[in-house]
Amino acid sequence: METETDSTFGEENSTSGSLTNSITNYQNKHGRTYHALDSGIYPFPNDIQERDRLDMVHAVFNRALEGHLHRAPIDDNPPNVLDIGTGTGIWAIEFADSHGGSRVRGIDLSPIQPTYGPRNLEFLVDNVEKTWSDSIKYDFIHSRCMAGAIEDWQRLVNQAFDNLREGGWVEFQELVGCAYSKDSENPQPNHAMFELMESLSKAGEINHRTMDPGPSFTDWAGTSGFINIEEYRTKLPFGIRPDKPDCEDIGSLLAASFYYGVDGLTAVPLIDTLEWPAEKVCALNDRVRRACNSPDTRLQIELELIVVFAQKP
């Protein structure tokens, strides 16, 4: 497995020490570290705490999708696979492990992936929002949990379309940027989780990087020219739910991801973008953690998972 710096995926580029140092010279803010490449465009940290949160979210998706890494009806070993916003690389690693005949690439702003792994896997440090000039035509492009990361989603979906071979598939997986009560489709603003999601959404709007791209994936895919577009939605419990004993792992993991990750989720969006006082942010974070530890059974919280996959004709 290789880790490289590559400006547009396919072009040869220098991997000198100075360039390597430039992408690992992380920005330090609010006691956390953030990506160095094109610094400031992604609002969440890249340190150990955040990596743990990302891996917990991966476990949530894994269980919610019944152990499947994707829902698109791809071939057993698609030759070339791209994972956009690979994060810790856990999805790409598992895909490469289970698809030995595929060449898998994971791309991210931060080189936080392990240096060991399957031989058919490589990681690239790059900004997927730039123009792709890759000579490779992919058979499957996967994107997960990119809320808050992309300024022009339609352009990104267009680039995915252009860089797929005919008959290739794209898949987007995302949590909806709003929390719901089990008994009502209307958000309950006094609950910490509702306030958190609403605040993150406002910060995303100000930065022109939506925190809720999931509901628009189907429209974007259609505009780009994709066919055979399918959308899958499922509600995920938050915390342990007596009425959903089969989802206990999902609920516990989802709550844990917010318990351990809320400080990183709120630091830049709420302090820097919304200009909240640090004390107000800390108070909200504490309320979120209390909700994670002791879910209010009178107001059972759910988050929605959206998966959209589509084929290039």
Protein backbone atom coordinates (compact mmCIF):
# COMPACT_ATOMS: atom_id res chain seq x y z
CA MET A 1 0.00 0.00 0.00
CA GLU A 2 1.19 3.49 -0.82
CA THR A 3 0.45 6.97 0.45
CA GLU A 4 1.09 9.80 -1.98
CA THR A 5 0.50 13.48 -2.53
CA ASP A 6 -1.12 14.08 -5.89
CA SER A 7 -2.64 17.35 -7.02
CA THR A 8 -5.27 15.95 -9.35
CA PHE A 9 -5.20 12.19 -8.71
CA GLY A 10 -3.49 11.12 -11.92
CA GLU A 11 -0.69 13.57 -12.56
CA GLU A 12 2.82 12.81 -11.38
CA ASN A 13 3.82 15.15 -8.60
CA SER A 14 6.74 15.69 -6.26
CA THR A 15 6.76 13.75 -3.03
CA SER A 16 9.77 15.58 -1.61
CA GLY A 17 10.28 16.04 2.09
CA SER A 18 9.17 19.67 1.94
CA LEU A 19 5.90 18.72 0.26
CA THR A 20 5.32 15.91 2.74
CA ASN A 21 5.97 18.33 5.60
CA SER A 22 3.52 20.82 4.14
CA ILE A 23 0.62 18.36 4.33
CA THR A 24 1.48 17.23 7.85
CA ASN A 25 2.01 20.73 9.23
CA TYR A 26 -1.46 20.64 10.72
CA GLN A 27 -3.34 23.75 11.82
CA ASN A 28 -3.87 24.01 15.59
CA LYS A 29 -7.13 25.55 16.79
CA HIS A 30 -9.22 25.15 19.92
CA GLY A 31 -6.88 22.46 21.21
CA ARG A 32 -7.41 20.31 18.10
CA THR A 33 -5.50 19.76 14.84
CA TYR A 34 -6.88 20.35 11.34
CA HIS A 35 -5.81 19.55 7.79
CA ALA A 36 -2.95 21.55 6.26
CA LEU A 37 -3.67 21.09 2.55
CA ASP A 38 -5.96 23.95 1.46
CA SER A 39 -6.42 24.70 5.14
CA GLY A 40 -9.77 25.86 6.43
CA ILE A 41 -12.12 24.35 3.86
CA TYR A 42 -13.10 21.37 6.05
CA PRO A 43 -14.46 22.28 9.48
CA PHE A 44 -13.67 19.17 11.50
CA PRO A 45 -10.37 18.03 13.06
CA ASN A 46 -8.09 15.19 12.03
CA ASP A 47 -6.58 14.18 15.37
CA ILE A 48 -6.84 10.90 17.28
CA GLN A 49 -10.16 11.79 18.91
CA GLU A 50 -11.72 12.56 15.54
CA ARG A 51 -10.31 9.41 13.97
CA ASP A 52 -11.91 7.37 16.73
CA ARG A 53 -15.24 9.10 16.04
CA LEU A 54 -14.97 8.37 12.31
CA ASP A 55 -14.31 4.70 12.99
CA MET A 56 -17.33 4.56 15.30
CA VAL A 57 -19.48 6.09 12.56
CA HIS A 58 -18.13 3.47 10.16
CA ALA A 59 -19.28 0.79 12.61
CA VAL A 60 -22.74 2.40 12.71
CA PHE A 61 -23.00 2.34 8.92
CA ASN A 62 -21.70 -1.23 8.81
CA ARG A 63 -24.44 -2.44 11.13
CA ALA A 64 -27.16 -0.30 9.55
CA LEU A 65 -26.28 -1.75 6.13
CA GLU A 66 -26.18 -5.29 7.55
CA GLY A 67 -22.46 -5.69 7.06
CA HIS A 68 -22.42 -4.45 3.48
CA LEU A 69 -19.95 -1.77 2.41
CA HIS A 70 -22.26 -0.58 -0.35
CA ARG A 71 -25.72 -1.07 -1.86
CA ALA A 72 -24.86 -0.45 -5.51
CA PRO A 73 -25.00 -3.66 -7.60
CA ILE A 74 -21.34 -3.58 -8.60
CA ASP A 75 -19.34 -6.48 -10.01
CA ASP A 76 -17.50 -8.78 -7.62
CA ASN A 77 -14.13 -7.17 -8.37
CA PRO A 78 -14.56 -3.79 -10.09
CA PRO A 79 -11.11 -3.00 -11.55
CA ASN A 80 -10.78 0.60 -10.30
CA VAL A 81 -12.47 1.98 -7.19
CA LEU A 82 -12.25 5.48 -5.68
CA ASP A 83 -13.20 6.38 -2.11
CA ILE A 84 -13.80 10.13 -1.79
CA GLY A 85 -13.04 11.61 1.64
CA THR A 86 -11.58 8.35 2.88
CA GLY A 87 -10.82 9.69 6.37
CA THR A 88 -9.08 6.98 8.38
CA GLY A 89 -9.26 4.75 5.32
CA ILE A 90 -11.30 2.09 7.09
CA TRP A 91 -13.90 1.71 4.31
CA ALA A 92 -11.22 1.54 1.61
CA ILE A 93 -9.19 -1.00 3.59
CA GLU A 94 -12.18 -3.28 4.12
CA PHE A 95 -13.22 -2.96 0.49
CA ALA A 96 -9.70 -3.76 -0.75
CA ASP A 97 -9.49 -6.73 1.62
CA SER A 98 -12.75 -8.19 0.35
CA HIS A 99 -12.17 -7.37 -3.34
CA GLY A 100 -8.69 -8.63 -4.08
CA GLY A 101 -9.11 -8.11 -7.82
CA SER A 102 -9.84 -4.40 -7.44
CA ARG A 103 -7.41 -1.49 -7.37
CA VAL A 104 -8.67 0.82 -4.64
CA ARG A 105 -7.77 4.47 -4.10
CA GLY A 106 -8.71 6.54 -1.08
CA ILE A 107 -8.43 10.32 -1.23
CA ASP A 108 -8.47 12.79 1.65
CA LEU A 109 -7.15 16.20 2.70
CA SER A 110 -5.25 14.61 5.60
CA PRO A 111 -2.70 11.76 5.56
CA ILE A 112 -4.23 10.07 8.61
CA GLN A 113 -4.56 6.60 7.10
CA PRO A 114 -2.42 3.65 8.25
CA THR A 115 0.85 3.04 6.41
CA TYR A 116 0.14 -0.69 6.17
CA GLY A 117 -2.71 -2.45 4.43
CA PRO A 118 -3.73 -4.45 1.37
CA ARG A 119 -1.40 -4.38 -1.62
CA ASN A 120 -4.26 -3.35 -3.90
CA LEU A 121 -4.87 -0.12 -1.96
CA GLU A 122 -3.28 3.33 -2.16
CA PHE A 123 -4.06 6.58 -0.40
CA LEU A 124 -3.74 10.02 -1.97
CA VAL A 125 -3.65 13.38 -0.18
CA ASP A 126 -5.65 15.74 -2.36
CA ASN A 127 -8.60 18.11 -2.60
CA VAL A 128 -11.45 16.41 -4.43
CA GLU A 129 -13.02 19.82 -5.16
CA LYS A 130 -10.28 20.61 -7.65
CA THR A 131 -10.64 19.62 -11.31
CA TRP A 132 -9.93 15.92 -11.75
CA SER A 133 -7.42 15.09 -14.46
CA ASP A 134 -7.06 11.41 -13.74
CA SER A 135 -6.33 9.13 -16.67
CA ILE A 136 -8.12 6.30 -14.86
CA LYS A 137 -11.80 5.66 -15.50
CA TYR A 138 -13.32 4.24 -12.35
CA ASP A 139 -15.80 1.41 -12.08
CA PHE A 140 -17.09 2.42 -8.66
CA ILE A 141 -16.86 5.76 -6.81
CA HIS A 142 -17.88 5.84 -3.16
CA SER A 143 -18.49 8.82 -0.88
CA ARG A 144 -19.51 8.79 2.76
CA CYS A 145 -19.97 11.42 5.50
CA MET A 146 -18.87 14.43 3.46
CA ALA A 147 -21.32 16.85 5.10
CA GLY A 148 -19.70 20.25 5.51
CA ALA A 149 -16.85 19.36 3.15
CA ILE A 150 -18.08 20.38 -0.31
CA GLU A 151 -18.94 23.84 -1.64
CA ASP A 152 -20.37 22.76 -5.02
CA TRP A 153 -21.91 19.32 -4.78
CA GLN A 154 -23.33 19.38 -8.30
CA ARG A 155 -19.83 19.93 -9.69
CA LEU A 156 -18.50 17.04 -7.63
CA VAL A 157 -21.23 14.71 -8.86
CA ASN A 158 -20.55 15.87 -12.42
CA GLN A 159 -16.87 15.05 -12.00
CA ALA A 160 -17.74 11.61 -10.65
CA PHE A 161 -19.89 11.05 -13.74
CA ASP A 162 -17.11 12.18 -16.09
CA ASN A 163 -14.55 9.93 -14.41
CA LEU A 164 -16.61 6.75 -14.39
CA ARG A 165 -16.45 4.24 -17.20
CA GLU A 166 -19.71 3.48 -19.01
CA GLY A 167 -21.79 1.23 -16.79
CA GLY A 168 -19.87 2.29 -13.66
CA TRP A 169 -21.57 3.14 -10.38
CA VAL A 170 -21.42 5.96 -7.85
CA GLU A 171 -22.73 5.75 -4.29
CA PHE A 172 -23.25 8.44 -1.65
CA GLN A 173 -23.90 7.61 2.01
CA GLU A 174 -24.81 10.32 4.49
CA LEU A 175 -26.60 11.00 7.75
CA VAL A 176 -29.38 13.56 7.38
CA GLY A 177 -28.41 16.81 9.08
CA CYS A 178 -31.40 16.86 11.40
CA ALA A 179 -32.54 14.82 14.40
CA TYR A 180 -36.13 13.64 14.85
CA SER A 181 -38.33 12.42 17.63
CA LYS A 182 -39.67 8.92 17.07
CA ASP A 183 -43.19 10.16 17.63
CA SER A 184 -42.98 13.28 15.47
CA GLU A 185 -41.47 14.30 12.15
CA ASN A 186 -41.03 17.80 13.56
CA PRO A 187 -37.75 18.67 15.28
CA GLN A 188 -37.93 19.40 19.01
CA PRO A 189 -35.70 22.49 19.44
CA ASN A 190 -35.20 22.19 23.21
CA HIS A 191 -33.36 18.87 23.00
CA ALA A 192 -29.56 19.10 22.86
CA MET A 193 -29.30 16.96 19.73
CA PHE A 194 -31.76 19.14 17.83
CA GLU A 195 -29.91 22.29 18.86
CA LEU A 196 -26.60 20.74 17.83
CA MET A 197 -27.79 19.70 14.38
CA GLU A 198 -29.53 23.04 13.77
CA SER A 199 -26.42 25.00 14.79
CA LEU A 200 -24.16 22.93 12.53
CA SER A 201 -26.63 23.46 9.69
CA LYS A 202 -26.51 27.25 10.15
CA ALA A 203 -22.71 27.20 10.12
CA GLY A 204 -22.73 25.16 6.93
CA GLU A 205 -25.04 27.66 5.25
CA ILE A 206 -22.75 30.56 6.16
CA ASN A 207 -19.73 28.71 4.75
CA HIS A 208 -21.67 27.60 1.66
CA ARG A 209 -20.85 23.99 2.56
CA THR A 210 -24.11 22.27 3.41
CA MET A 211 -24.27 19.98 6.40
CA ASP A 212 -27.21 18.16 4.85
CA PRO A 213 -26.38 17.02 1.30
CA GLY A 214 -28.11 13.64 1.58
CA PRO A 215 -31.66 14.61 0.52
CA SER A 216 -30.30 16.23 -2.67
CA PHE A 217 -28.17 13.35 -3.96
CA THR A 218 -30.93 11.92 -6.13
CA ASP A 219 -31.55 15.26 -7.87
CA TRP A 220 -27.83 15.92 -8.36
CA ALA A 221 -27.31 12.47 -9.84
CA GLY A 222 -30.18 12.97 -12.28
CA THR A 223 -28.88 16.37 -13.35
CA SER A 224 -25.44 14.86 -14.02
CA GLY A 225 -26.92 12.26 -16.36
CA PHE A 226 -26.92 9.17 -14.16
CA ILE A 227 -29.53 6.48 -14.68
CA ASN A 228 -30.87 3.64 -12.51
CA ILE A 229 -30.87 5.98 -9.53
CA GLU A 230 -32.03 4.38 -6.30
CA GLU A 231 -32.42 5.89 -2.85
CA TYR A 232 -32.45 3.95 0.40
CA ARG A 233 -33.43 5.52 3.73
CA THR A 234 -33.53 4.10 7.23
CA LYS A 235 -33.98 5.64 10.67
CA LEU A 236 -31.23 4.95 13.20
CA PRO A 237 -31.98 4.98 16.93
CA PHE A 238 -29.94 7.28 19.16
CA GLY A 239 -28.91 5.41 22.29
CA ILE A 240 -30.44 2.20 23.62
CA ARG A 241 -34.11 1.86 22.71
CA PRO A 242 -36.35 -0.68 24.51
CA ASP A 243 -38.60 -0.81 21.45
CA LYS A 244 -35.67 -1.67 19.14
CA PRO A 245 -33.57 -4.32 20.91
CA ASP A 246 -32.20 -5.52 17.56
CA CYS A 247 -30.68 -2.06 17.01
CA GLU A 248 -28.98 -1.77 20.40
CA ASP A 249 -25.48 -1.79 18.89
CA ILE A 250 -26.39 0.89 16.35
CA GLY A 251 -27.95 3.17 18.94
CA SER A 252 -25.11 2.77 21.41
CA LEU A 253 -22.41 3.35 18.80
CA LEU A 254 -24.21 6.36 17.34
CA ALA A 255 -24.57 7.94 20.77
CA ALA A 256 -20.93 7.15 21.57
CA SER A 257 -19.77 8.84 18.37
CA PHE A 258 -21.43 12.08 19.51
CA TYR A 259 -20.35 11.68 23.14
CA TYR A 260 -16.68 11.41 22.22
CA GLY A 261 -16.80 13.56 19.10
CA VAL A 262 -19.01 16.54 19.90
CA ASP A 263 -16.12 18.84 20.88
CA GLY A 264 -14.57 18.40 17.44
CA LEU A 265 -17.91 18.80 15.69
CA THR A 266 -18.64 22.16 17.31
CA ALA A 267 -15.27 23.90 17.70
CA VAL A 268 -14.84 25.54 14.31
CA PRO A 269 -18.49 25.69 13.16
CA LEU A 270 -19.86 27.23 16.36
CA ILE A 271 -16.92 29.25 17.70
CA ASP A 272 -15.34 30.47 14.46
CA THR A 273 -18.32 30.58 12.09
CA LEU A 274 -21.29 31.35 14.35
CA GLU A 275 -19.06 33.31 16.76
CA TRP A 276 -20.49 31.67 19.84
CA PRO A 277 -18.63 32.29 23.12
CA ALA A 278 -16.60 29.25 24.11
CA GLU A 279 -18.67 28.93 27.29
CA LYS A 280 -21.89 28.60 25.29
CA VAL A 281 -20.35 25.92 23.09
CA CYS A 282 -19.08 24.01 26.12
CA ALA A 283 -22.55 24.16 27.67
CA LEU A 284 -24.14 22.69 24.54
CA ASN A 285 -21.46 20.00 24.33
CA ASP A 286 -22.14 19.03 27.94
CA ARG A 287 -25.87 18.78 27.23
CA VAL A 288 -25.17 16.58 24.21
CA ARG A 289 -22.98 14.29 26.31
CA ARG A 290 -25.67 14.04 28.97
CA ALA A 291 -28.18 13.11 26.27
CA CYS A 292 -25.79 10.44 25.02
CA ASN A 293 -25.32 8.98 28.50
CA SER A 294 -28.95 9.18 29.59
CA PRO A 295 -31.24 9.26 26.55
CA ASP A 296 -34.64 10.74 27.36
CA THR A 297 -37.02 7.82 26.82
CA ARG A 298 -39.91 10.28 26.55
CA LEU A 299 -38.31 11.81 23.46
CA GLN A 300 -36.68 8.99 21.55
CA ILE A 301 -34.24 10.48 19.07
CA GLU A 302 -33.58 9.13 15.60
CA LEU A 303 -31.18 10.11 12.84
CA GLU A 304 -31.78 9.14 9.23
CA LEU A 305 -29.27 7.39 6.99
CA ILE A 306 -29.54 8.05 3.25
CA VAL A 307 -27.82 5.96 0.59
CA VAL A 308 -28.11 6.93 -3.08
CA PHE A 309 -26.49 4.95 -5.86
CA ALA A 310 -26.64 5.51 -9.61
CA GLN A 311 -25.14 4.22 -12.85
CA LYS A 312 -23.43 5.96 -15.73
CA PRO A 313 -25.14 4.93 -18.99
